[in-house]
Structures are given as C-alpha cells and as structure tokens.
Amino acid sequence: MKREAIGAHAEPRPLPEGWRMASLAEATTESVERNNARLNDALLFGVSKSTGLIPMKDRVKGASTDRCKVVRPNAFAYNPMRINIGSIARNETADTLMVSPDYVVFEAQPDCLLPEYLDHFRRTHAWRSFVGAAGDGSVRVRIYYDHLSQLRLPLPPRAEQRKIAAILTTVDDKLDVIARQIEATRTLKLGLLQSLIGSCTTGDNSSRSALLRRGASSWQSLRLEDICRPQQWPTITSKELTSHGYPVYGANGQIGFF
C-alpha cells in the first residue's frame, strides 16, 4: 500500500465504509506547555527535514530553556517557517523532549487519530499541497497551528489506522535496509577504484590486485595534457535553435535542439 492511497481521499470522493473526513483541529490538540526548568538542557532538540528531531548544538542554545516547549512522546513539532519544506517530526522516543519556544507543538487525540498514521499521512501529496499553499507572510511564510489545523484528512477506524501504519512502516524499514546496502556498495566501489586505478597515480602498487599487478610493467603513467587538449566548440546562438535534432543544453538544462 502506498502513502498516496490514504492521501488520495483528502479530495472529495466516496470514502470506504467506516472512514470519515476530519480536520486536524478535530483530531489534534496544540500544546503550549513550557519547560520551566524541569528538563535537562541536553534534551533540547531541533527539527531536521531529513532526520527528524536532532539534539540542538550548544552554540545555538539560548541562555535559558525555561520557555522552551515540551514535546511528549508521539507529539509533533515543527518550525512554522520551515514546515512548507518538510521540516516536521514526531517524537519517536520514550523521553519527553523540548524545542525552541518559536516552534509549534501538537498532539494527536488518541481516541480518533493514531500518531503513527498521521506521521505517514504528512508525507502524502495532499499534505504537501496544503502546507505549500497555507500560511502568512510573503517572503518568509509562517504556518502556525491555526493554519495547519484547517487541513482535512481521511480517518479510518483506529484498528485500520494501525494496520495501515504498520504496513507503511514495514516498507520504510525495507527502504532503509536497501539504502544502507547501496551506500555500502558505493563505498566498496570507491575502494576498488582506488585499488585498481587510483593507486597507479601515486605509484603505490601495494593495494593493487594480484591480477593487475602481473601486468603492471606494461602500464604507462601519462599526464592528462599528453593525451587530450581543451576544445572550444563554436557557440550555438538562440537563433540557431530548432524544434528538433540534437538536444542543446545550457547552464540550467536543455534549451532547445540543433
């Protein structure tokens, strides 16, 4: 099941039996609880678009965390000036954390909305379209809870929300495994490049494979200028571009054909 399967119902259309449309205002509650010197400064976090909640660096911490907002387990936090680019995160830890007093914090109402379900819904096209159009301000758009809470989303029964979230989480876990495998393969390739080719440029044959080392005496080491030279091709003007032929590219992508 894809996330867009749940996001598709954000537009008016017949809902599956037992589902209903609801606004975030009906299914969540904003939290304005302050720290008031209760939590350790090490529990001050920021929100990263790619990795979620991350510890705040010491150099950007303020003199006091008393006014910082509390983020309880499964609560959501976001910077109102960056949610439109995806900077929102759920507290997936068992600890109560805190964020900047400028952040917005809200919690799912457990009787109708599971935080895990909302965590997947916020990655749908319906969510992205809404936050892309909402907010105040012309240069730096700010999307506060009053704006975000107007978003409407499809709400299945809680049992079905749990099943949907579990399926999507399983897919995410598999994607994480694949991503780590790709990164490991990329690292392996870089190592092979250095062993098979790169070591030749430094004169270090110790890491070259035995197969290539047997023929190393026939290898040559040449400067790039000895085997190639720069070429300035004639400039193609905009008047010479056509609607078909060989594609022509500029600094910002394809600009026509020649």
C-alpha atoms as a PDB file:
ATOM      1  CA  MET A   1       0.000   0.000   0.000  1.00  0.00           C
ATOM      2  CA  LYS A   2       1.351   3.430  -0.907  1.00  0.00           C
ATOM      3  CA  ARG A   3       1.022   6.552   1.242  1.00  0.00           C
ATOM      4  CA  GLU A   4      -0.833   8.209  -1.612  1.00  0.00           C
ATOM      5  CA  ALA A   5      -3.607   5.660  -1.092  1.00  0.00           C
ATOM      6  CA  ILE A   6      -4.537   7.396   2.142  1.00  0.00           C
ATOM      7  CA  GLY A   7      -3.742  10.860   0.820  1.00  0.00           C
ATOM      8  CA  ALA A   8      -5.993  10.381  -2.201  1.00  0.00           C
ATOM      9  CA  HIS A   9      -9.064  10.599  -0.004  1.00  0.00           C
ATOM     10  CA  ALA A  10      -8.186  14.149   1.025  1.00  0.00           C
ATOM     11  CA  GLU A  11     -10.158  15.264  -2.050  1.00  0.00           C
ATOM     12  CA  PRO A  12     -13.970  14.850  -2.024  1.00  0.00           C
ATOM     13  CA  ARG A  13     -14.803  11.312  -3.121  1.00  0.00           C
ATOM     14  CA  PRO A  14     -16.626   8.342  -1.654  1.00  0.00           C
ATOM     15  CA  LEU A  15     -14.837   7.031   1.421  1.00  0.00           C
ATOM     16  CA  PRO A  16     -14.536   3.370   2.397  1.00  0.00           C
ATOM     17  CA  GLU A  17     -17.080   2.185   4.897  1.00  0.00           C
ATOM     18  CA  GLY A  18     -16.261   3.379   8.406  1.00  0.00           C
ATOM     19  CA  TRP A  19     -13.970   6.174   7.214  1.00  0.00           C
ATOM     20  CA  ARG A  20     -14.695   9.868   7.677  1.00  0.00           C
ATOM     21  CA  MET A  21     -13.118  13.192   6.803  1.00  0.00           C
ATOM     22  CA  ALA A  22     -11.934  15.336   9.697  1.00  0.00           C
ATOM     23  CA  SER A  23      -9.823  18.439  10.178  1.00  0.00           C
ATOM     24  CA  LEU A  24      -6.629  18.374  12.188  1.00  0.00           C
ATOM     25  CA  ALA A  25      -8.402  20.712  14.613  1.00  0.00           C
ATOM     26  CA  GLU A  26     -10.828  17.850  15.368  1.00  0.00           C
ATOM     27  CA  ALA A  27      -8.137  15.184  15.679  1.00  0.00           C
ATOM     28  CA  THR A  28      -5.199  17.015  17.288  1.00  0.00           C
ATOM     29  CA  THR A  29      -4.529  19.499  20.071  1.00  0.00           C
ATOM     30  CA  GLU A  30      -1.877  22.205  20.174  1.00  0.00           C
ATOM     31  CA  SER A  31       0.478  22.002  23.142  1.00  0.00           C
ATOM     32  CA  VAL A  32       1.952  25.176  24.621  1.00  0.00           C
ATOM     33  CA  GLU A  33       3.432  23.549  27.730  1.00  0.00           C
ATOM     34  CA  ARG A  34       6.720  25.204  28.733  1.00  0.00           C
ATOM     35  CA  ASN A  35       9.797  23.583  30.241  1.00  0.00           C
ATOM     36  CA  ASN A  36      10.072  25.890  33.271  1.00  0.00           C
ATOM     37  CA  ALA A  37      13.471  24.467  34.273  1.00  0.00           C
ATOM     38  CA  ARG A  38      12.220  20.884  34.537  1.00  0.00           C
ATOM     39  CA  LEU A  39      14.228  19.235  31.734  1.00  0.00           C
ATOM     40  CA  ASN A  40      17.975  18.991  31.272  1.00  0.00           C
ATOM     41  CA  ASP A  41      19.460  21.209  28.557  1.00  0.00           C
ATOM     42  CA  ALA A  42      20.664  18.063  26.759  1.00  0.00           C
ATOM     43  CA  LEU A  43      17.017  17.362  25.889  1.00  0.00           C
ATOM     44  CA  LEU A  44      16.746  20.489  23.737  1.00  0.00           C
ATOM     45  CA  PHE A  45      16.176  19.388  20.140  1.00  0.00           C
ATOM     46  CA  GLY A  46      15.702  20.912  16.714  1.00  0.00           C
ATOM     47  CA  VAL A  47      13.935  19.524  13.647  1.00  0.00           C
ATOM     48  CA  SER A  48      15.764  18.347  10.542  1.00  0.00           C
ATOM     49  CA  LYS A  49      13.904  17.704   7.292  1.00  0.00           C
ATOM     50  CA  SER A  50      15.879  14.530   6.633  1.00  0.00           C
ATOM     51  CA  THR A  51      16.445  13.042  10.081  1.00  0.00           C
ATOM     52  CA  GLY A  52      13.647  14.378  12.287  1.00  0.00           C
ATOM     53  CA  LEU A  53      14.338  15.525  15.841  1.00  0.00           C
ATOM     54  CA  ILE A  54      18.055  16.097  16.443  1.00  0.00           C
ATOM     55  CA  PRO A  55      19.939  17.432  19.509  1.00  0.00           C
ATOM     56  CA  MET A  56      20.441  21.191  19.386  1.00  0.00           C
ATOM     57  CA  LYS A  57      24.080  22.280  19.083  1.00  0.00           C
ATOM     58  CA  ASP A  58      25.489  24.097  22.099  1.00  0.00           C
ATOM     59  CA  ARG A  59      26.462  27.148  20.045  1.00  0.00           C
ATOM     60  CA  VAL A  60      22.847  27.864  19.099  1.00  0.00           C
ATOM     61  CA  LYS A  61      21.297  27.227  22.505  1.00  0.00           C
ATOM     62  CA  GLY A  62      19.967  30.229  24.357  1.00  0.00           C
ATOM     63  CA  ALA A  63      20.887  31.310  27.852  1.00  0.00           C
ATOM     64  CA  SER A  64      17.835  29.564  29.313  1.00  0.00           C
ATOM     65  CA  THR A  65      15.494  26.746  28.286  1.00  0.00           C
ATOM     66  CA  ASP A  66      12.694  27.763  30.655  1.00  0.00           C
ATOM     67  CA  ARG A  67      10.419  28.982  27.826  1.00  0.00           C
ATOM     68  CA  CYS A  68      11.172  26.049  25.523  1.00  0.00           C
ATOM     69  CA  LYS A  69       8.130  23.988  24.570  1.00  0.00           C
ATOM     70  CA  VAL A  70       7.746  20.433  25.824  1.00  0.00           C
ATOM     71  CA  VAL A  71       7.419  17.619  23.261  1.00  0.00           C
ATOM     72  CA  ARG A  72       5.990  14.494  24.834  1.00  0.00           C
ATOM     73  CA  PRO A  73       6.392  11.037  23.247  1.00  0.00           C
ATOM     74  CA  ASN A  74       4.479  10.798  19.928  1.00  0.00           C
ATOM     75  CA  ALA A  75       3.871  14.570  19.828  1.00  0.00           C
ATOM     76  CA  PHE A  76       4.773  16.534  16.690  1.00  0.00           C
ATOM     77  CA  ALA A  77       6.984  19.614  16.484  1.00  0.00           C
ATOM     78  CA  TYR A  78       7.844  21.964  13.651  1.00  0.00           C
ATOM     79  CA  ASN A  79       9.335  25.330  12.809  1.00  0.00           C
ATOM     80  CA  PRO A  80       6.466  27.416  11.368  1.00  0.00           C
ATOM     81  CA  MET A  81       8.852  28.929   8.796  1.00  0.00           C
ATOM     82  CA  ARG A  82      10.113  25.562   7.523  1.00  0.00           C
ATOM     83  CA  ILE A  83       7.204  23.141   7.593  1.00  0.00           C
ATOM     84  CA  ASN A  84       6.475  24.021   3.969  1.00  0.00           C
ATOM     85  CA  ILE A  85       9.733  22.279   3.005  1.00  0.00           C
ATOM     86  CA  GLY A  86       9.020  19.221   5.150  1.00  0.00           C
ATOM     87  CA  SER A  87      10.654  20.133   8.469  1.00  0.00           C
ATOM     88  CA  ILE A  88       8.269  18.474  10.903  1.00  0.00           C
ATOM     89  CA  ALA A  89       8.933  15.483  13.145  1.00  0.00           C
ATOM     90  CA  ARG A  90       7.262  13.141  15.611  1.00  0.00           C
ATOM     91  CA  ASN A  91       8.950  12.367  18.915  1.00  0.00           C
ATOM     92  CA  GLU A  92       9.503   8.646  18.415  1.00  0.00           C
ATOM     93  CA  THR A  93      11.454   8.278  21.652  1.00  0.00           C
ATOM     94  CA  ALA A  94      10.161   7.330  25.082  1.00  0.00           C
ATOM     95  CA  ASP A  95      11.548  10.572  26.519  1.00  0.00           C
ATOM     96  CA  THR A  96       9.945  13.968  26.900  1.00  0.00           C
ATOM     97  CA  LEU A  97      11.985  16.451  24.871  1.00  0.00           C
ATOM     98  CA  MET A  98      11.841  20.196  24.335  1.00  0.00           C
ATOM     99  CA  VAL A  99      12.164  22.511  21.343  1.00  0.00           C
ATOM    100  CA  SER A 100      12.544  26.221  20.708  1.00  0.00           C
ATOM    101  CA  PRO A 101       9.736  28.416  22.057  1.00  0.00           C
ATOM    102  CA  ASP A 102       9.187  29.551  18.455  1.00  0.00           C
ATOM    103  CA  TYR A 103       8.257  26.026  17.363  1.00  0.00           C
ATOM    104  CA  VAL A 104       4.718  24.675  17.134  1.00  0.00           C
ATOM    105  CA  VAL A 105       3.922  21.508  19.079  1.00  0.00           C
ATOM    106  CA  PHE A 106       0.730  19.456  18.776  1.00  0.00           C
ATOM    107  CA  GLU A 107      -0.513  16.012  19.759  1.00  0.00           C
ATOM    108  CA  ALA A 108      -2.931  13.524  18.200  1.00  0.00           C
ATOM    109  CA  GLN A 109      -6.127  12.854  20.111  1.00  0.00           C
ATOM    110  CA  PRO A 110      -5.775   9.132  20.873  1.00  0.00           C
ATOM    111  CA  ASP A 111      -9.497   8.404  20.705  1.00  0.00           C
ATOM    112  CA  CYS A 112      -9.645   9.145  16.954  1.00  0.00           C
ATOM    113  CA  LEU A 113      -6.132   9.535  15.486  1.00  0.00           C
ATOM    114  CA  LEU A 114      -3.013   7.426  15.890  1.00  0.00           C
ATOM    115  CA  PRO A 115       0.217   9.454  15.725  1.00  0.00           C
ATOM    116  CA  GLU A 116       1.836   6.761  13.556  1.00  0.00           C
ATOM    117  CA  TYR A 117      -0.961   7.135  10.973  1.00  0.00           C
ATOM    118  CA  LEU A 118      -0.586  10.929  10.918  1.00  0.00           C
ATOM    119  CA  ASP A 119       3.187  10.536  10.624  1.00  0.00           C
ATOM    120  CA  HIS A 120       2.663   8.692   7.325  1.00  0.00           C
ATOM    121  CA  PHE A 121      -0.113  10.979   6.103  1.00  0.00           C
ATOM    122  CA  ARG A 122       2.168  14.024   6.403  1.00  0.00           C
ATOM    123  CA  ARG A 123       4.275  12.526   3.600  1.00  0.00           C
ATOM    124  CA  THR A 124       1.387  12.431   1.105  1.00  0.00           C
ATOM    125  CA  HIS A 125       0.744  14.768  -1.801  1.00  0.00           C
ATOM    126  CA  ALA A 126      -2.385  16.068  -0.035  1.00  0.00           C
ATOM    127  CA  TRP A 127      -0.303  17.252   2.935  1.00  0.00           C
ATOM    128  CA  ARG A 128       2.405  18.808   0.755  1.00  0.00           C
ATOM    129  CA  SER A 129      -0.169  20.654  -1.338  1.00  0.00           C
ATOM    130  CA  PHE A 130      -1.857  22.076   1.741  1.00  0.00           C
ATOM    131  CA  VAL A 131       1.277  23.327   3.508  1.00  0.00           C
ATOM    132  CA  GLY A 132       2.543  24.686   0.201  1.00  0.00           C
ATOM    133  CA  ALA A 133      -0.484  26.982  -0.053  1.00  0.00           C
ATOM    134  CA  ALA A 134      -1.124  27.831   3.623  1.00  0.00           C
ATOM    135  CA  GLY A 135       0.421  30.374   5.966  1.00  0.00           C
ATOM    136  CA  ASP A 136       1.052  34.093   6.471  1.00  0.00           C
ATOM    137  CA  GLY A 137       3.767  36.269   5.007  1.00  0.00           C
ATOM    138  CA  SER A 138       5.097  36.956   1.530  1.00  0.00           C
ATOM    139  CA  VAL A 139       8.863  36.402   1.811  1.00  0.00           C
ATOM    140  CA  ARG A 140       9.108  34.083   4.851  1.00  0.00           C
ATOM    141  CA  VAL A 141       5.842  32.167   5.053  1.00  0.00           C
ATOM    142  CA  ARG A 142       4.805  31.122   8.557  1.00  0.00           C
ATOM    143  CA  ILE A 143       2.361  28.285   9.086  1.00  0.00           C
ATOM    144  CA  TYR A 144       1.072  28.237  12.641  1.00  0.00           C
ATOM    145  CA  TYR A 145      -1.227  25.656  14.193  1.00  0.00           C
ATOM    146  CA  ASP A 146      -4.317  27.734  13.383  1.00  0.00           C
ATOM    147  CA  HIS A 147      -3.438  27.375   9.694  1.00  0.00           C
ATOM    148  CA  LEU A 148      -2.312  23.749   9.792  1.00  0.00           C
ATOM    149  CA  SER A 149      -5.320  22.623  11.803  1.00  0.00           C
ATOM    150  CA  GLN A 150      -7.603  23.501   8.882  1.00  0.00           C
ATOM    151  CA  LEU A 151      -6.169  20.627   6.860  1.00  0.00           C
ATOM    152  CA  ARG A 152      -8.661  17.812   6.346  1.00  0.00           C
ATOM    153  CA  LEU A 153      -7.610  14.187   6.257  1.00  0.00           C
ATOM    154  CA  PRO A 154      -9.326  10.806   5.916  1.00  0.00           C
ATOM    155  CA  LEU A 155      -9.760   8.982   9.215  1.00  0.00           C
ATOM    156  CA  PRO A 156     -10.285   5.209   9.117  1.00  0.00           C
ATOM    157  CA  PRO A 157     -11.278   3.375  12.297  1.00  0.00           C
ATOM    158  CA  ARG A 158      -8.401   3.162  14.745  1.00  0.00           C
ATOM    159  CA  ALA A 159      -7.822  -0.541  14.060  1.00  0.00           C
ATOM    160  CA  GLU A 160      -7.451   0.173  10.346  1.00  0.00           C
ATOM    161  CA  GLN A 161      -5.185   3.147  11.032  1.00  0.00           C
ATOM    162  CA  ARG A 162      -2.922   0.809  12.980  1.00  0.00           C
ATOM    163  CA  LYS A 163      -2.799  -1.715  10.108  1.00  0.00           C
ATOM    164  CA  ILE A 164      -2.080   0.985   7.510  1.00  0.00           C
ATOM    165  CA  ALA A 165       0.691   2.494   9.635  1.00  0.00           C
ATOM    166  CA  ALA A 166       2.233  -0.939  10.267  1.00  0.00           C
ATOM    167  CA  ILE A 167       2.316  -1.764   6.536  1.00  0.00           C
ATOM    168  CA  LEU A 168       3.888   1.574   5.608  1.00  0.00           C
ATOM    169  CA  THR A 169       6.410   1.353   8.443  1.00  0.00           C
ATOM    170  CA  THR A 170       7.480  -2.098   7.215  1.00  0.00           C
ATOM    171  CA  VAL A 171       8.041  -0.657   3.738  1.00  0.00           C
ATOM    172  CA  ASP A 172      10.073   2.218   5.233  1.00  0.00           C
ATOM    173  CA  ASP A 173      12.223  -0.253   7.173  1.00  0.00           C
ATOM    174  CA  LYS A 174      12.951  -2.211   3.981  1.00  0.00           C
ATOM    175  CA  LEU A 175      13.824   1.002   2.151  1.00  0.00           C
ATOM    176  CA  ASP A 176      16.257   1.886   4.949  1.00  0.00           C
ATOM    177  CA  VAL A 177      17.951  -1.507   4.581  1.00  0.00           C
ATOM    178  CA  ILE A 178      18.226  -1.045   0.812  1.00  0.00           C
ATOM    179  CA  ALA A 179      19.641   2.473   1.271  1.00  0.00           C
ATOM    180  CA  ARG A 180      22.330   1.137   3.626  1.00  0.00           C
ATOM    181  CA  GLN A 181      23.175  -1.624   1.155  1.00  0.00           C
ATOM    182  CA  ILE A 182      23.508   0.920  -1.661  1.00  0.00           C
ATOM    183  CA  GLU A 183      25.763   3.102   0.479  1.00  0.00           C
ATOM    184  CA  ALA A 184      27.913   0.098   1.421  1.00  0.00           C
ATOM    185  CA  THR A 185      28.192  -0.882  -2.262  1.00  0.00           C
ATOM    186  CA  ARG A 186      29.129   2.687  -3.184  1.00  0.00           C
ATOM    187  CA  THR A 187      31.875   2.661  -0.538  1.00  0.00           C
ATOM    188  CA  LEU A 188      33.112  -0.687  -1.864  1.00  0.00           C
ATOM    189  CA  LYS A 189      33.238   0.710  -5.390  1.00  0.00           C
ATOM    190  CA  LEU A 190      35.276   3.724  -4.270  1.00  0.00           C
ATOM    191  CA  GLY A 191      37.711   1.363  -2.561  1.00  0.00           C
ATOM    192  CA  LEU A 192      38.023  -0.725  -5.725  1.00  0.00           C
ATOM    193  CA  LEU A 193      38.597   2.386  -7.832  1.00  0.00           C
ATOM    194  CA  GLN A 194      41.452   3.382  -5.569  1.00  0.00           C
ATOM    195  CA  SER A 195      42.937  -0.117  -5.544  1.00  0.00           C
ATOM    196  CA  LEU A 196      42.622  -0.816  -9.265  1.00  0.00           C
ATOM    197  CA  ILE A 197      43.253   2.623 -10.756  1.00  0.00           C
ATOM    198  CA  GLY A 198      43.898   5.325  -8.190  1.00  0.00           C
ATOM    199  CA  SER A 199      46.990   3.658  -6.701  1.00  0.00           C
ATOM    200  CA  CYS A 200      48.675   3.911 -10.094  1.00  0.00           C
ATOM    201  CA  THR A 201      48.693   7.709  -9.907  1.00  0.00           C
ATOM    202  CA  THR A 202      50.564   7.633  -6.602  1.00  0.00           C
ATOM    203  CA  GLY A 203      52.980   4.851  -7.509  1.00  0.00           C
ATOM    204  CA  ASP A 204      51.625   2.694  -4.690  1.00  0.00           C
ATOM    205  CA  ASN A 205      51.137  -0.819  -6.043  1.00  0.00           C
ATOM    206  CA  SER A 206      50.719  -2.454  -2.640  1.00  0.00           C
ATOM    207  CA  SER A 207      46.924  -2.334  -2.731  1.00  0.00           C
ATOM    208  CA  ARG A 208      46.512  -3.315  -6.398  1.00  0.00           C
ATOM    209  CA  SER A 209      45.024  -6.715  -7.046  1.00  0.00           C
ATOM    210  CA  ALA A 210      47.351  -9.591  -7.901  1.00  0.00           C
ATOM    211  CA  LEU A 211      45.729  -9.952 -11.305  1.00  0.00           C
ATOM    212  CA  LEU A 212      46.508  -6.394 -12.379  1.00  0.00           C
ATOM    213  CA  ARG A 213      49.887  -6.392 -10.654  1.00  0.00           C
ATOM    214  CA  ARG A 214      51.103  -9.141 -13.002  1.00  0.00           C
ATOM    215  CA  GLY A 215      50.744  -6.756 -15.932  1.00  0.00           C
ATOM    216  CA  ALA A 216      51.779  -3.592 -14.141  1.00  0.00           C
ATOM    217  CA  SER A 217      55.057  -3.394 -16.036  1.00  0.00           C
ATOM    218  CA  SER A 218      53.161  -2.687 -19.262  1.00  0.00           C
ATOM    219  CA  TRP A 219      51.181   0.203 -17.758  1.00  0.00           C
ATOM    220  CA  GLN A 220      52.059   3.790 -18.569  1.00  0.00           C
ATOM    221  CA  SER A 221      51.659   6.891 -16.449  1.00  0.00           C
ATOM    222  CA  LEU A 222      50.789   9.918 -18.596  1.00  0.00           C
ATOM    223  CA  ARG A 223      49.777  13.449 -17.901  1.00  0.00           C
ATOM    224  CA  LEU A 224      46.284  14.418 -18.970  1.00  0.00           C
ATOM    225  CA  GLU A 225      47.699  17.148 -21.210  1.00  0.00           C
ATOM    226  CA  ASP A 226      49.666  14.498 -23.119  1.00  0.00           C
ATOM    227  CA  ILE A 227      46.573  12.645 -24.292  1.00  0.00           C
ATOM    228  CA  CYS A 228      43.890  15.304 -24.573  1.00  0.00           C
ATOM    229  CA  ARG A 229      43.501  19.010 -25.097  1.00  0.00           C
ATOM    230  CA  PRO A 230      40.768  21.560 -24.381  1.00  0.00           C
ATOM    231  CA  GLN A 231      38.417  22.298 -27.233  1.00  0.00           C
ATOM    232  CA  GLN A 232      36.284  25.399 -27.596  1.00  0.00           C
ATOM    233  CA  TRP A 233      33.433  24.446 -29.887  1.00  0.00           C
ATOM    234  CA  PRO A 234      31.553  27.098 -31.877  1.00  0.00           C
ATOM    235  CA  THR A 235      28.820  28.787 -29.867  1.00  0.00           C
ATOM    236  CA  ILE A 236      25.248  27.933 -30.854  1.00  0.00           C
ATOM    237  CA  THR A 237      23.144  31.085 -30.708  1.00  0.00           C
ATOM    238  CA  SER A 238      19.478  31.159 -29.740  1.00  0.00           C
ATOM    239  CA  LYS A 239      18.571  31.995 -33.350  1.00  0.00           C
ATOM    240  CA  GLU A 240      20.098  28.714 -34.485  1.00  0.00           C
ATOM    241  CA  LEU A 241      17.994  26.561 -32.157  1.00  0.00           C
ATOM    242  CA  THR A 242      15.307  24.416 -33.755  1.00  0.00           C
ATOM    243  CA  SER A 243      12.378  22.307 -32.600  1.00  0.00           C
ATOM    244  CA  HIS A 244      14.128  19.020 -33.388  1.00  0.00           C
ATOM    245  CA  GLY A 245      17.569  17.489 -33.865  1.00  0.00           C
ATOM    246  CA  TYR A 246      20.378  17.148 -31.333  1.00  0.00           C
ATOM    247  CA  PRO A 247      19.490  18.393 -27.840  1.00  0.00           C
ATOM    248  CA  VAL A 248      21.308  21.557 -26.745  1.00  0.00           C
ATOM    249  CA  TYR A 249      21.968  22.206 -23.046  1.00  0.00           C
ATOM    250  CA  GLY A 250      22.697  25.390 -21.171  1.00  0.00           C
ATOM    251  CA  ALA A 251      23.608  26.041 -17.535  1.00  0.00           C
ATOM    252  CA  ASN A 252      20.038  25.373 -16.377  1.00  0.00           C
ATOM    253  CA  GLY A 253      19.183  22.386 -18.557  1.00  0.00           C
ATOM    254  CA  GLN A 254      18.021  21.777 -22.118  1.00  0.00           C
ATOM    255  CA  ILE A 255      17.361  24.946 -24.104  1.00  0.00           C
ATOM    256  CA  GLY A 256      16.404  23.507 -27.485  1.00  0.00           C
ATOM    257  CA  PHE A 257      17.689  21.456 -30.425  1.00  0.00           C
ATOM    258  CA  PHE A 258      20.250  21.919 -33.183  1.00  0.00           C
END
